Amino acid sequence: MVQHKKKTAVLLVNLGSPDSPKPTDVFSYLTEFLNDSRVIDINWLGRKVLVNGIIVPFRHRKSAKIYEELWTEDGSPLIHYGRLCTAKLQERFSNDADSETKVFLAMRYKNPSIEAALASILKWNPDKLIVLPLFPQYASASTGSVIDKCMRIMRDLWVFPEIQFINQFWDDEGYLNAFANRGKQFNTKDYDHVMFSFHGLPERQVDKVYDDRHCKNHTCETEINDENKLCYKATCYATARAIAERCGISESEYTVAFQSRLGKGWIEPFSDEVIEKLAKEGAKKLLVFSPAFVADCLETTIEIGVEYQELFEEHGGEKIQLVPSLNAGDDWIDALENMLRKRL
């Protein structure tokens, strides 16, 4: 009898990027992204009017200029680092004697698409599929949307491989140590304050985690427990505590804040307001971590590195030092490999 060599497919998924910084491609990307009901969770008609009638038509050209500033000779940094991670991970698994593992990359919005990646995976006919959304802290608008998309694509299949989703990994030792390694490149004593800036969410989305409907009724800023283990805000604070401890940053030396808000009713404190306040109080140098993003992107390189720098200078500050993201560093690849091998 020929022994069957177990085949496992790994699908890494990140948020996505326009195909290019051209206004038409940015228009297409924003249309797909913002029409996701998990991103803008209002009734479908209101979302269509808001997104297709107001936000995208009036915002895409301005966004295109920002993407043009972000773009490199390798294209979108998010996709570039995703491809590097995929290739490095594939190399790690290539010498396994008793199993065969193939690593695939997809973006939740635009290309490479989840549809195309799953088509390639199913053609290979694996015994098992592990889907890893590259969002350390679970949120319905990010990880939840990836899981939802994969299930909607696969629900019409007659035959499924074994499927496993990794819904968050904020507490993974490898992930935390890799971010701490980035932070240790800087002497925190050279900075007036440290900020951990996470992507923001509407408070109503965070509240949906709880039966009593209000995140503020829980101890999300100070502890993680069975009730708030899937609360985005709670896991953000827990991530900051874990990285700060590894870097020797005391509680009084850092602030947790949330960036990229699109209106009122989002999680506070807001990163831009914290930066403005610190500058007015006399801070000259800030060190900023952005642990919600495993690869540098628009929110880190431009929003923090450029826009927040300008805001800081405007109110008397001098330098915001962005701690680089994990990108395709070997310690991050180690973390991903270990995370996946536990589930092979």
C-alpha atoms as a PDB file:
ATOM      1  CA  MET A   1       0.000   0.000   0.000  1.00  0.00           C
ATOM      2  CA  VAL A   2       1.263   3.474  -0.928  1.00  0.00           C
ATOM      3  CA  GLN A   3       1.387   5.694   2.150  1.00  0.00           C
ATOM      4  CA  HIS A   4      -0.535   8.941   1.730  1.00  0.00           C
ATOM      5  CA  LYS A   5       1.550  12.069   2.286  1.00  0.00           C
ATOM      6  CA  LYS A   6      -0.676  14.559   4.066  1.00  0.00           C
ATOM      7  CA  LYS A   7      -1.154  17.804   2.153  1.00  0.00           C
ATOM      8  CA  THR A   8      -1.849  21.062   3.972  1.00  0.00           C
ATOM      9  CA  ALA A   9      -2.608  24.406   2.340  1.00  0.00           C
ATOM     10  CA  VAL A  10      -1.924  27.606   4.249  1.00  0.00           C
ATOM     11  CA  LEU A  11      -3.695  30.776   3.159  1.00  0.00           C
ATOM     12  CA  LEU A  12      -2.295  34.057   4.458  1.00  0.00           C
ATOM     13  CA  VAL A  13      -4.767  36.936   4.069  1.00  0.00           C
ATOM     14  CA  ASN A  14      -4.194  40.644   4.590  1.00  0.00           C
ATOM     15  CA  LEU A  15      -6.502  43.601   4.050  1.00  0.00           C
ATOM     16  CA  GLY A  16      -5.644  44.588   0.494  1.00  0.00           C
ATOM     17  CA  SER A  17      -4.467  47.380  -1.729  1.00  0.00           C
ATOM     18  CA  PRO A  18      -5.405  49.091  -4.970  1.00  0.00           C
ATOM     19  CA  ASP A  19      -3.807  47.503  -8.040  1.00  0.00           C
ATOM     20  CA  SER A  20      -2.021  50.807  -8.577  1.00  0.00           C
ATOM     21  CA  PRO A  21      -2.194  54.351  -7.190  1.00  0.00           C
ATOM     22  CA  LYS A  22      -4.159  55.492 -10.239  1.00  0.00           C
ATOM     23  CA  PRO A  23      -7.484  57.150  -9.295  1.00  0.00           C
ATOM     24  CA  THR A  24      -9.486  54.517 -11.198  1.00  0.00           C
ATOM     25  CA  ASP A  25      -7.839  51.655  -9.281  1.00  0.00           C
ATOM     26  CA  VAL A  26      -8.216  53.452  -5.957  1.00  0.00           C
ATOM     27  CA  PHE A  27     -11.895  54.081  -6.810  1.00  0.00           C
ATOM     28  CA  SER A  28     -12.394  50.357  -7.445  1.00  0.00           C
ATOM     29  CA  TYR A  29     -10.577  49.370  -4.254  1.00  0.00           C
ATOM     30  CA  LEU A  30     -12.462  51.779  -1.999  1.00  0.00           C
ATOM     31  CA  THR A  31     -15.774  50.729  -3.544  1.00  0.00           C
ATOM     32  CA  GLU A  32     -15.147  47.067  -2.724  1.00  0.00           C
ATOM     33  CA  PHE A  33     -13.686  47.775   0.714  1.00  0.00           C
ATOM     34  CA  LEU A  34     -16.256  50.222   2.030  1.00  0.00           C
ATOM     35  CA  ASN A  35     -19.264  48.303   0.706  1.00  0.00           C
ATOM     36  CA  ASP A  36     -18.380  45.414   3.010  1.00  0.00           C
ATOM     37  CA  SER A  37     -21.206  45.227   5.560  1.00  0.00           C
ATOM     38  CA  ARG A  38     -18.709  44.243   8.264  1.00  0.00           C
ATOM     39  CA  VAL A  39     -16.710  47.431   7.660  1.00  0.00           C
ATOM     40  CA  ILE A  40     -19.619  49.881   7.509  1.00  0.00           C
ATOM     41  CA  ASP A  41     -22.300  48.088   9.495  1.00  0.00           C
ATOM     42  CA  ILE A  42     -25.388  50.097   8.679  1.00  0.00           C
ATOM     43  CA  ASN A  43     -28.410  49.106   6.592  1.00  0.00           C
ATOM     44  CA  TRP A  44     -27.560  48.214   2.995  1.00  0.00           C
ATOM     45  CA  LEU A  45     -29.344  51.161   1.420  1.00  0.00           C
ATOM     46  CA  GLY A  46     -27.696  53.683   3.717  1.00  0.00           C
ATOM     47  CA  ARG A  47     -24.314  52.089   3.061  1.00  0.00           C
ATOM     48  CA  LYS A  48     -24.795  52.222  -0.719  1.00  0.00           C
ATOM     49  CA  VAL A  49     -25.764  55.892  -0.624  1.00  0.00           C
ATOM     50  CA  LEU A  50     -22.962  56.813   1.773  1.00  0.00           C
ATOM     51  CA  VAL A  51     -20.192  54.834   0.052  1.00  0.00           C
ATOM     52  CA  ASN A  52     -21.123  54.992  -3.625  1.00  0.00           C
ATOM     53  CA  GLY A  53     -22.740  58.402  -3.584  1.00  0.00           C
ATOM     54  CA  ILE A  54     -20.556  60.359  -1.181  1.00  0.00           C
ATOM     55  CA  ILE A  55     -17.350  58.809   0.196  1.00  0.00           C
ATOM     56  CA  VAL A  56     -15.784  57.124  -2.847  1.00  0.00           C
ATOM     57  CA  PRO A  57     -16.629  59.765  -5.500  1.00  0.00           C
ATOM     58  CA  PHE A  58     -15.332  62.611  -3.320  1.00  0.00           C
ATOM     59  CA  ARG A  59     -12.439  60.815  -1.647  1.00  0.00           C
ATOM     60  CA  HIS A  60     -10.773  58.577  -4.226  1.00  0.00           C
ATOM     61  CA  ARG A  61      -8.615  61.238  -5.904  1.00  0.00           C
ATOM     62  CA  LYS A  62      -7.235  62.462  -2.594  1.00  0.00           C
ATOM     63  CA  SER A  63      -6.602  58.846  -1.547  1.00  0.00           C
ATOM     64  CA  ALA A  64      -4.864  58.178  -4.868  1.00  0.00           C
ATOM     65  CA  LYS A  65      -2.322  60.916  -4.108  1.00  0.00           C
ATOM     66  CA  ILE A  66      -1.625  59.325  -0.726  1.00  0.00           C
ATOM     67  CA  TYR A  67      -1.196  55.878  -2.289  1.00  0.00           C
ATOM     68  CA  GLU A  68       1.177  57.409  -4.829  1.00  0.00           C
ATOM     69  CA  GLU A  69       3.272  58.660  -1.915  1.00  0.00           C
ATOM     70  CA  LEU A  70       3.192  55.183  -0.339  1.00  0.00           C
ATOM     71  CA  TRP A  71       4.025  53.253  -3.529  1.00  0.00           C
ATOM     72  CA  THR A  72       7.572  51.922  -3.972  1.00  0.00           C
ATOM     73  CA  GLU A  73       9.457  50.332  -6.852  1.00  0.00           C
ATOM     74  CA  ASP A  74       8.119  47.019  -5.491  1.00  0.00           C
ATOM     75  CA  GLY A  75       4.553  48.321  -5.643  1.00  0.00           C
ATOM     76  CA  SER A  76       2.247  48.208  -2.638  1.00  0.00           C
ATOM     77  CA  PRO A  77       4.283  47.510   0.546  1.00  0.00           C
ATOM     78  CA  LEU A  78       1.453  45.392   1.957  1.00  0.00           C
ATOM     79  CA  ILE A  79       1.477  43.060  -1.039  1.00  0.00           C
ATOM     80  CA  HIS A  80       5.279  43.139  -1.376  1.00  0.00           C
ATOM     81  CA  TYR A  81       5.824  42.028   2.221  1.00  0.00           C
ATOM     82  CA  GLY A  82       3.009  39.496   1.892  1.00  0.00           C
ATOM     83  CA  ARG A  83       4.765  37.875  -1.048  1.00  0.00           C
ATOM     84  CA  LEU A  84       8.088  37.852   0.779  1.00  0.00           C
ATOM     85  CA  CYS A  85       6.490  36.202   3.825  1.00  0.00           C
ATOM     86  CA  THR A  86       4.787  33.632   1.608  1.00  0.00           C
ATOM     87  CA  ALA A  87       8.052  32.737  -0.143  1.00  0.00           C
ATOM     88  CA  LYS A  88      10.050  32.546   3.094  1.00  0.00           C
ATOM     89  CA  LEU A  89       7.410  30.394   4.778  1.00  0.00           C
ATOM     90  CA  GLN A  90       7.237  28.091   1.778  1.00  0.00           C
ATOM     91  CA  GLU A  91      10.984  27.569   2.030  1.00  0.00           C
ATOM     92  CA  ARG A  92      10.640  26.629   5.706  1.00  0.00           C
ATOM     93  CA  PHE A  93       8.114  23.901   4.889  1.00  0.00           C
ATOM     94  CA  SER A  94       9.779  22.628   1.711  1.00  0.00           C
ATOM     95  CA  ASN A  95      11.987  20.051   3.445  1.00  0.00           C
ATOM     96  CA  ASP A  96       9.320  18.317   5.541  1.00  0.00           C
ATOM     97  CA  ALA A  97       9.626  14.597   4.887  1.00  0.00           C
ATOM     98  CA  ASP A  98       6.280  13.298   6.124  1.00  0.00           C
ATOM     99  CA  SER A  99       3.956  16.030   4.849  1.00  0.00           C
ATOM    100  CA  GLU A 100       3.557  18.550   2.052  1.00  0.00           C
ATOM    101  CA  THR A 101       2.620  22.150   2.773  1.00  0.00           C
ATOM    102  CA  LYS A 102       1.907  24.889   0.259  1.00  0.00           C
ATOM    103  CA  VAL A 103       1.585  28.539   1.274  1.00  0.00           C
ATOM    104  CA  PHE A 104      -0.747  30.877  -0.610  1.00  0.00           C
ATOM    105  CA  LEU A 105      -1.362  34.629  -0.322  1.00  0.00           C
ATOM    106  CA  ALA A 106      -4.590  36.583  -0.752  1.00  0.00           C
ATOM    107  CA  MET A 107      -6.017  39.998   0.026  1.00  0.00           C
ATOM    108  CA  ARG A 108      -9.511  40.512   1.380  1.00  0.00           C
ATOM    109  CA  TYR A 109     -10.056  43.299  -1.150  1.00  0.00           C
ATOM    110  CA  LYS A 110      -8.718  43.351  -4.728  1.00  0.00           C
ATOM    111  CA  ASN A 111      -5.720  41.264  -5.770  1.00  0.00           C
ATOM    112  CA  PRO A 112      -4.464  38.624  -5.294  1.00  0.00           C
ATOM    113  CA  SER A 113      -8.053  37.737  -4.490  1.00  0.00           C
ATOM    114  CA  ILE A 114      -9.373  35.166  -2.046  1.00  0.00           C
ATOM    115  CA  GLU A 115     -11.426  33.665  -4.878  1.00  0.00           C
ATOM    116  CA  ALA A 116      -8.322  33.020  -7.006  1.00  0.00           C
ATOM    117  CA  ALA A 117      -6.312  31.694  -4.067  1.00  0.00           C
ATOM    118  CA  LEU A 118      -9.041  29.258  -2.998  1.00  0.00           C
ATOM    119  CA  ALA A 119      -9.441  28.070  -6.590  1.00  0.00           C
ATOM    120  CA  SER A 120      -5.723  27.232  -6.721  1.00  0.00           C
ATOM    121  CA  ILE A 121      -5.859  25.571  -3.304  1.00  0.00           C
ATOM    122  CA  LEU A 122      -8.842  23.379  -4.140  1.00  0.00           C
ATOM    123  CA  LYS A 123      -7.270  22.380  -7.440  1.00  0.00           C
ATOM    124  CA  TRP A 124      -4.268  21.116  -5.454  1.00  0.00           C
ATOM    125  CA  ASN A 125      -6.752  19.088  -3.352  1.00  0.00           C
ATOM    126  CA  PRO A 126      -5.279  19.364   0.158  1.00  0.00           C
ATOM    127  CA  ASP A 127      -6.311  17.296   3.168  1.00  0.00           C
ATOM    128  CA  LYS A 128      -6.386  20.405   5.316  1.00  0.00           C
ATOM    129  CA  LEU A 129      -6.654  24.164   4.838  1.00  0.00           C
ATOM    130  CA  ILE A 130      -5.422  26.646   7.452  1.00  0.00           C
ATOM    131  CA  VAL A 131      -6.585  30.219   6.914  1.00  0.00           C
ATOM    132  CA  LEU A 132      -4.539  32.847   8.751  1.00  0.00           C
ATOM    133  CA  PRO A 133      -5.893  36.405   8.541  1.00  0.00           C
ATOM    134  CA  LEU A 134      -2.884  38.609   9.309  1.00  0.00           C
ATOM    135  CA  PHE A 135      -4.668  40.684  11.952  1.00  0.00           C
ATOM    136  CA  PRO A 136      -3.283  40.044  15.458  1.00  0.00           C
ATOM    137  CA  GLN A 137      -6.374  41.321  17.285  1.00  0.00           C
ATOM    138  CA  TYR A 138      -9.761  39.965  16.218  1.00  0.00           C
ATOM    139  CA  ALA A 139     -12.269  42.428  14.789  1.00  0.00           C
ATOM    140  CA  SER A 140     -15.348  41.634  12.764  1.00  0.00           C
ATOM    141  CA  ALA A 141     -14.331  44.279  10.201  1.00  0.00           C
ATOM    142  CA  SER A 142     -10.983  42.546   9.515  1.00  0.00           C
ATOM    143  CA  THR A 143     -10.622  38.908  10.609  1.00  0.00           C
ATOM    144  CA  GLY A 144     -14.378  38.372  10.695  1.00  0.00           C
ATOM    145  CA  SER A 145     -14.694  39.668   7.150  1.00  0.00           C
ATOM    146  CA  VAL A 146     -11.988  37.294   5.882  1.00  0.00           C
ATOM    147  CA  ILE A 147     -13.647  34.295   7.523  1.00  0.00           C
ATOM    148  CA  ASP A 148     -17.056  35.369   6.209  1.00  0.00           C
ATOM    149  CA  LYS A 149     -15.681  35.763   2.666  1.00  0.00           C
ATOM    150  CA  CYS A 150     -13.991  32.342   2.677  1.00  0.00           C
ATOM    151  CA  MET A 151     -17.122  30.622   3.957  1.00  0.00           C
ATOM    152  CA  ARG A 152     -19.343  32.354   1.394  1.00  0.00           C
ATOM    153  CA  ILE A 153     -17.055  31.216  -1.424  1.00  0.00           C
ATOM    154  CA  MET A 154     -16.832  27.642  -0.154  1.00  0.00           C
ATOM    155  CA  ARG A 155     -20.417  27.066   0.949  1.00  0.00           C
ATOM    156  CA  ASP A 156     -21.464  25.818  -2.510  1.00  0.00           C
ATOM    157  CA  LEU A 157     -18.702  23.198  -2.696  1.00  0.00           C
ATOM    158  CA  TRP A 158     -19.751  19.571  -2.562  1.00  0.00           C
ATOM    159  CA  VAL A 159     -16.541  18.427  -0.849  1.00  0.00           C
ATOM    160  CA  PHE A 160     -14.493  20.319   1.743  1.00  0.00           C
ATOM    161  CA  PRO A 161     -11.017  19.705   3.096  1.00  0.00           C
ATOM    162  CA  GLU A 162     -10.591  20.019   6.833  1.00  0.00           C
ATOM    163  CA  ILE A 163     -10.614  23.783   7.465  1.00  0.00           C
ATOM    164  CA  GLN A 164      -9.141  25.707  10.375  1.00  0.00           C
ATOM    165  CA  PHE A 165      -9.226  29.470  10.909  1.00  0.00           C
ATOM    166  CA  ILE A 166      -6.789  31.261  13.191  1.00  0.00           C
ATOM    167  CA  ASN A 167      -8.965  34.097  14.416  1.00  0.00           C
ATOM    168  CA  GLN A 168      -6.334  36.051  16.403  1.00  0.00           C
ATOM    169  CA  PHE A 169      -2.770  35.771  17.629  1.00  0.00           C
ATOM    170  CA  TRP A 170      -2.127  38.887  19.707  1.00  0.00           C
ATOM    171  CA  ASP A 171      -0.881  36.697  22.580  1.00  0.00           C
ATOM    172  CA  ASP A 172       1.464  34.573  20.457  1.00  0.00           C
ATOM    173  CA  GLU A 173       4.947  34.722  21.979  1.00  0.00           C
ATOM    174  CA  GLY A 174       6.653  34.903  18.603  1.00  0.00           C
ATOM    175  CA  TYR A 175       4.531  37.826  17.445  1.00  0.00           C
ATOM    176  CA  LEU A 176       5.042  39.733  20.695  1.00  0.00           C
ATOM    177  CA  ASN A 177       8.778  39.073  20.786  1.00  0.00           C
ATOM    178  CA  ALA A 178       9.171  40.146  17.154  1.00  0.00           C
ATOM    179  CA  PHE A 179       7.491  43.496  17.878  1.00  0.00           C
ATOM    180  CA  ALA A 180       9.551  43.877  21.040  1.00  0.00           C
ATOM    181  CA  ASN A 181      12.682  43.245  18.967  1.00  0.00           C
ATOM    182  CA  ARG A 182      11.729  46.180  16.741  1.00  0.00           C
ATOM    183  CA  GLY A 183      11.173  48.366  19.764  1.00  0.00           C
ATOM    184  CA  LYS A 184      14.513  47.415  21.324  1.00  0.00           C
ATOM    185  CA  GLN A 185      16.272  48.995  18.346  1.00  0.00           C
ATOM    186  CA  PHE A 186      15.468  52.303  20.046  1.00  0.00           C
ATOM    187  CA  ASN A 187      16.437  53.533  23.498  1.00  0.00           C
ATOM    188  CA  THR A 188      13.089  54.456  25.014  1.00  0.00           C
ATOM    189  CA  LYS A 189      14.853  56.743  27.498  1.00  0.00           C
ATOM    190  CA  ASP A 190      15.686  59.015  24.545  1.00  0.00           C
ATOM    191  CA  TYR A 191      11.969  59.718  24.067  1.00  0.00           C
ATOM    192  CA  ASP A 192       9.573  61.807  26.128  1.00  0.00           C
ATOM    193  CA  HIS A 193       6.754  59.300  25.729  1.00  0.00           C
ATOM    194  CA  VAL A 194       5.788  56.081  23.941  1.00  0.00           C
ATOM    195  CA  MET A 195       2.486  55.543  22.145  1.00  0.00           C
ATOM    196  CA  PHE A 196       0.894  52.282  21.038  1.00  0.00           C
ATOM    197  CA  SER A 197      -1.390  53.280  18.169  1.00  0.00           C
ATOM    198  CA  PHE A 198      -3.970  50.740  16.984  1.00  0.00           C
ATOM    199  CA  HIS A 199      -6.450  51.037  14.152  1.00  0.00           C
ATOM    200  CA  GLY A 200      -9.731  52.445  15.379  1.00  0.00           C
ATOM    201  CA  LEU A 201     -13.218  50.929  15.268  1.00  0.00           C
ATOM    202  CA  PRO A 202     -16.677  52.341  15.905  1.00  0.00           C
ATOM    203  CA  GLU A 203     -17.687  51.775  19.521  1.00  0.00           C
ATOM    204  CA  ARG A 204     -20.876  50.063  18.362  1.00  0.00           C
ATOM    205  CA  GLN A 205     -18.827  47.310  16.701  1.00  0.00           C
ATOM    206  CA  VAL A 206     -16.854  46.682  19.872  1.00  0.00           C
ATOM    207  CA  ASP A 207     -20.035  46.695  21.949  1.00  0.00           C
ATOM    208  CA  LYS A 208     -21.473  43.844  19.854  1.00  0.00           C
ATOM    209  CA  VAL A 209     -19.069  41.476  21.602  1.00  0.00           C
ATOM    210  CA  TYR A 210     -21.005  41.833  24.866  1.00  0.00           C
ATOM    211  CA  ASP A 211     -24.470  40.771  25.949  1.00  0.00           C
ATOM    212  CA  ASP A 212     -24.829  43.983  27.926  1.00  0.00           C
ATOM    213  CA  ARG A 213     -23.894  45.931  24.770  1.00  0.00           C
ATOM    214  CA  HIS A 214     -21.239  48.192  26.300  1.00  0.00           C
ATOM    215  CA  CYS A 215     -17.489  47.614  26.255  1.00  0.00           C
ATOM    216  CA  LYS A 216     -17.079  50.411  28.825  1.00  0.00           C
ATOM    217  CA  ASN A 217     -18.791  48.196  31.425  1.00  0.00           C
ATOM    218  CA  HIS A 218     -15.807  45.836  31.319  1.00  0.00           C
ATOM    219  CA  THR A 219     -12.202  46.109  32.469  1.00  0.00           C
ATOM    220  CA  CYS A 220     -10.835  46.114  28.926  1.00  0.00           C
ATOM    221  CA  GLU A 221      -8.110  48.689  29.616  1.00  0.00           C
ATOM    222  CA  THR A 222      -6.587  46.729  32.486  1.00  0.00           C
ATOM    223  CA  GLU A 223      -7.134  42.993  32.036  1.00  0.00           C
ATOM    224  CA  ILE A 224      -8.041  40.262  29.580  1.00  0.00           C
ATOM    225  CA  ASN A 225     -10.532  37.615  30.725  1.00  0.00           C
ATOM    226  CA  ASP A 226     -13.105  35.141  29.472  1.00  0.00           C
ATOM    227  CA  GLU A 227     -15.701  37.849  28.846  1.00  0.00           C
ATOM    228  CA  ASN A 228     -13.522  40.216  26.805  1.00  0.00           C
ATOM    229  CA  LYS A 229     -11.094  37.783  25.132  1.00  0.00           C
ATOM    230  CA  LEU A 230     -12.617  38.574  21.723  1.00  0.00           C
ATOM    231  CA  CYS A 231     -13.024  42.299  22.376  1.00  0.00           C
ATOM    232  CA  TYR A 232     -10.794  44.262  20.004  1.00  0.00           C
ATOM    233  CA  LYS A 233     -10.213  47.043  22.508  1.00  0.00           C
ATOM    234  CA  ALA A 234      -9.276  44.614  25.301  1.00  0.00           C
ATOM    235  CA  THR A 235      -6.815  42.698  23.131  1.00  0.00           C
ATOM    236  CA  CYS A 236      -5.219  45.955  21.937  1.00  0.00           C
ATOM    237  CA  TYR A 237      -4.559  47.031  25.522  1.00  0.00           C
ATOM    238  CA  ALA A 238      -3.298  43.541  26.377  1.00  0.00           C
ATOM    239  CA  THR A 239      -0.948  43.622  23.364  1.00  0.00           C
ATOM    240  CA  ALA A 240       0.481  46.969  24.452  1.00  0.00           C
ATOM    241  CA  ARG A 241       1.041  45.700  28.000  1.00  0.00           C
ATOM    242  CA  ALA A 242       2.837  42.596  26.745  1.00  0.00           C
ATOM    243  CA  ILE A 243       5.140  44.474  24.365  1.00  0.00           C
ATOM    244  CA  ALA A 244       5.837  47.221  26.901  1.00  0.00           C
ATOM    245  CA  GLU A 245       6.831  44.633  29.492  1.00  0.00           C
ATOM    246  CA  ARG A 246       9.248  43.003  27.047  1.00  0.00           C
ATOM    247  CA  CYS A 247      10.782  46.384  26.219  1.00  0.00           C
ATOM    248  CA  GLY A 248      11.040  47.557  29.826  1.00  0.00           C
ATOM    249  CA  ILE A 249       8.529  50.382  29.302  1.00  0.00           C
ATOM    250  CA  SER A 250       6.640  51.246  32.485  1.00  0.00           C
ATOM    251  CA  GLU A 251       2.901  51.925  32.538  1.00  0.00           C
ATOM    252  CA  SER A 252       3.449  55.645  33.114  1.00  0.00           C
ATOM    253  CA  GLU A 253       5.713  55.917  30.068  1.00  0.00           C
ATOM    254  CA  TYR A 254       3.189  54.902  27.404  1.00  0.00           C
ATOM    255  CA  THR A 255      -0.323  55.584  26.145  1.00  0.00           C
ATOM    256  CA  VAL A 256      -2.637  53.330  24.129  1.00  0.00           C
ATOM    257  CA  ALA A 257      -4.570  55.182  21.425  1.00  0.00           C
ATOM    258  CA  PHE A 258      -6.563  54.519  18.257  1.00  0.00           C
ATOM    259  CA  GLN A 259      -6.049  55.999  14.809  1.00  0.00           C
ATOM    260  CA  SER A 260      -7.854  56.268  11.452  1.00  0.00           C
ATOM    261  CA  ARG A 261     -11.268  57.228  12.787  1.00  0.00           C
ATOM    262  CA  LEU A 262     -13.935  58.145  10.247  1.00  0.00           C
ATOM    263  CA  GLY A 263     -16.315  60.042  12.490  1.00  0.00           C
ATOM    264  CA  LYS A 264     -17.823  60.319  15.960  1.00  0.00           C
ATOM    265  CA  GLY A 265     -18.420  57.359  18.226  1.00  0.00           C
ATOM    266  CA  TRP A 266     -15.092  55.614  17.624  1.00  0.00           C
ATOM    267  CA  ILE A 267     -12.851  54.076  20.290  1.00  0.00           C
ATOM    268  CA  GLU A 268     -10.982  56.653  22.326  1.00  0.00           C
ATOM    269  CA  PRO A 269      -8.475  58.079  23.000  1.00  0.00           C
ATOM    270  CA  PHE A 270      -7.694  59.178  19.455  1.00  0.00           C
ATOM    271  CA  SER A 271      -4.054  58.980  18.402  1.00  0.00           C
ATOM    272  CA  ASP A 272      -3.972  62.404  16.768  1.00  0.00           C
ATOM    273  CA  GLU A 273      -5.453  64.076  19.853  1.00  0.00           C
ATOM    274  CA  VAL A 274      -2.958  62.310  22.131  1.00  0.00           C
ATOM    275  CA  ILE A 275      -0.090  63.485  19.928  1.00  0.00           C
ATOM    276  CA  GLU A 276      -1.368  67.067  19.909  1.00  0.00           C
ATOM    277  CA  LYS A 277      -1.795  67.025  23.707  1.00  0.00           C
ATOM    278  CA  LEU A 278       1.702  65.635  24.308  1.00  0.00           C
ATOM    279  CA  ALA A 279       3.239  68.258  22.016  1.00  0.00           C
ATOM    280  CA  LYS A 280       1.404  71.075  23.819  1.00  0.00           C
ATOM    281  CA  GLU A 281       2.660  69.692  27.137  1.00  0.00           C
ATOM    282  CA  GLY A 282       6.238  70.005  25.907  1.00  0.00           C
ATOM    283  CA  ALA A 283       7.089  66.560  24.513  1.00  0.00           C
ATOM    284  CA  LYS A 284       9.707  66.800  21.768  1.00  0.00           C
ATOM    285  CA  LYS A 285      10.304  63.151  20.819  1.00  0.00           C
ATOM    286  CA  LEU A 286       7.770  60.329  20.647  1.00  0.00           C
ATOM    287  CA  LEU A 287       8.275  56.639  19.922  1.00  0.00           C
ATOM    288  CA  VAL A 288       5.239  55.043  18.268  1.00  0.00           C
ATOM    289  CA  PHE A 289       4.414  51.336  17.928  1.00  0.00           C
ATOM    290  CA  SER A 290       1.609  50.214  15.626  1.00  0.00           C
ATOM    291  CA  PRO A 291       1.049  46.541  16.582  1.00  0.00           C
ATOM    292  CA  ALA A 292      -2.244  46.069  14.743  1.00  0.00           C
ATOM    293  CA  PHE A 293      -0.311  45.981  11.454  1.00  0.00           C
ATOM    294  CA  VAL A 294       2.178  43.198  10.727  1.00  0.00           C
ATOM    295  CA  ALA A 295       3.435  45.025   7.617  1.00  0.00           C
ATOM    296  CA  ASP A 296       4.085  48.702   7.041  1.00  0.00           C
ATOM    297  CA  CYS A 297       1.282  50.264   5.039  1.00  0.00           C
ATOM    298  CA  LEU A 298      -0.736  53.448   4.552  1.00  0.00           C
ATOM    299  CA  GLU A 299      -1.661  53.623   8.231  1.00  0.00           C
ATOM    300  CA  THR A 300       1.931  53.334   9.464  1.00  0.00           C
ATOM    301  CA  THR A 301       4.167  54.878   6.809  1.00  0.00           C
ATOM    302  CA  ILE A 302       1.886  57.778   5.854  1.00  0.00           C
ATOM    303  CA  GLU A 303      -0.591  58.347   8.676  1.00  0.00           C
ATOM    304  CA  ILE A 304       1.923  58.009  11.518  1.00  0.00           C
ATOM    305  CA  GLY A 305       5.206  58.685   9.726  1.00  0.00           C
ATOM    306  CA  VAL A 306       4.064  61.727   7.739  1.00  0.00           C
ATOM    307  CA  GLU A 307       0.700  63.108   8.905  1.00  0.00           C
ATOM    308  CA  TYR A 308       1.281  62.663  12.643  1.00  0.00           C
ATOM    309  CA  GLN A 309       4.803  64.025  12.253  1.00  0.00           C
ATOM    310  CA  GLU A 310       3.366  67.197  10.720  1.00  0.00           C
ATOM    311  CA  LEU A 311       0.741  67.437  13.466  1.00  0.00           C
ATOM    312  CA  PHE A 312       3.386  66.980  16.162  1.00  0.00           C
ATOM    313  CA  GLU A 313       5.599  69.704  14.699  1.00  0.00           C
ATOM    314  CA  GLU A 314       2.633  72.046  14.313  1.00  0.00           C
ATOM    315  CA  HIS A 315       2.075  71.978  18.085  1.00  0.00           C
ATOM    316  CA  GLY A 316       5.710  72.238  19.174  1.00  0.00           C
ATOM    317  CA  GLY A 317       7.025  68.694  18.908  1.00  0.00           C
ATOM    318  CA  GLU A 318      10.096  67.682  16.937  1.00  0.00           C
ATOM    319  CA  LYS A 319      10.288  63.991  16.055  1.00  0.00           C
ATOM    320  CA  ILE A 320       7.903  61.051  15.887  1.00  0.00           C
ATOM    321  CA  GLN A 321       9.856  57.837  15.499  1.00  0.00           C
ATOM    322  CA  LEU A 322       7.755  55.036  14.038  1.00  0.00           C
ATOM    323  CA  VAL A 323       8.833  51.568  15.155  1.00  0.00           C
ATOM    324  CA  PRO A 324       9.031  49.509  11.937  1.00  0.00           C
ATOM    325  CA  SER A 325       6.472  46.767  11.510  1.00  0.00           C
ATOM    326  CA  LEU A 326       7.298  43.060  11.282  1.00  0.00           C
ATOM    327  CA  ASN A 327       7.265  43.058   7.465  1.00  0.00           C
ATOM    328  CA  ALA A 328       9.224  39.950   6.401  1.00  0.00           C
ATOM    329  CA  GLY A 329      11.781  39.806   9.198  1.00  0.00           C
ATOM    330  CA  ASP A 330      13.168  36.378  10.061  1.00  0.00           C
ATOM    331  CA  ASP A 331      11.835  36.539  13.627  1.00  0.00           C
ATOM    332  CA  TRP A 332       8.329  37.158  12.229  1.00  0.00           C
ATOM    333  CA  ILE A 333       8.741  34.232   9.841  1.00  0.00           C
ATOM    334  CA  ASP A 334       9.806  32.134  12.854  1.00  0.00           C
ATOM    335  CA  ALA A 335       6.616  33.183  14.629  1.00  0.00           C
ATOM    336  CA  LEU A 336       4.413  32.354  11.646  1.00  0.00           C
ATOM    337  CA  GLU A 337       6.090  28.988  11.158  1.00  0.00           C
ATOM    338  CA  ASN A 338       5.660  28.022  14.811  1.00  0.00           C
ATOM    339  CA  MET A 339       2.061  29.237  14.805  1.00  0.00           C
ATOM    340  CA  LEU A 340       1.273  27.055  11.811  1.00  0.00           C
ATOM    341  CA  ARG A 341       3.248  23.968  12.849  1.00  0.00           C
ATOM    342  CA  LYS A 342       1.151  23.755  16.006  1.00  0.00           C
ATOM    343  CA  ARG A 343      -1.834  23.211  13.720  1.00  0.00           C
ATOM    344  CA  LEU A 344      -0.366  20.988  11.024  1.00  0.00           C
END
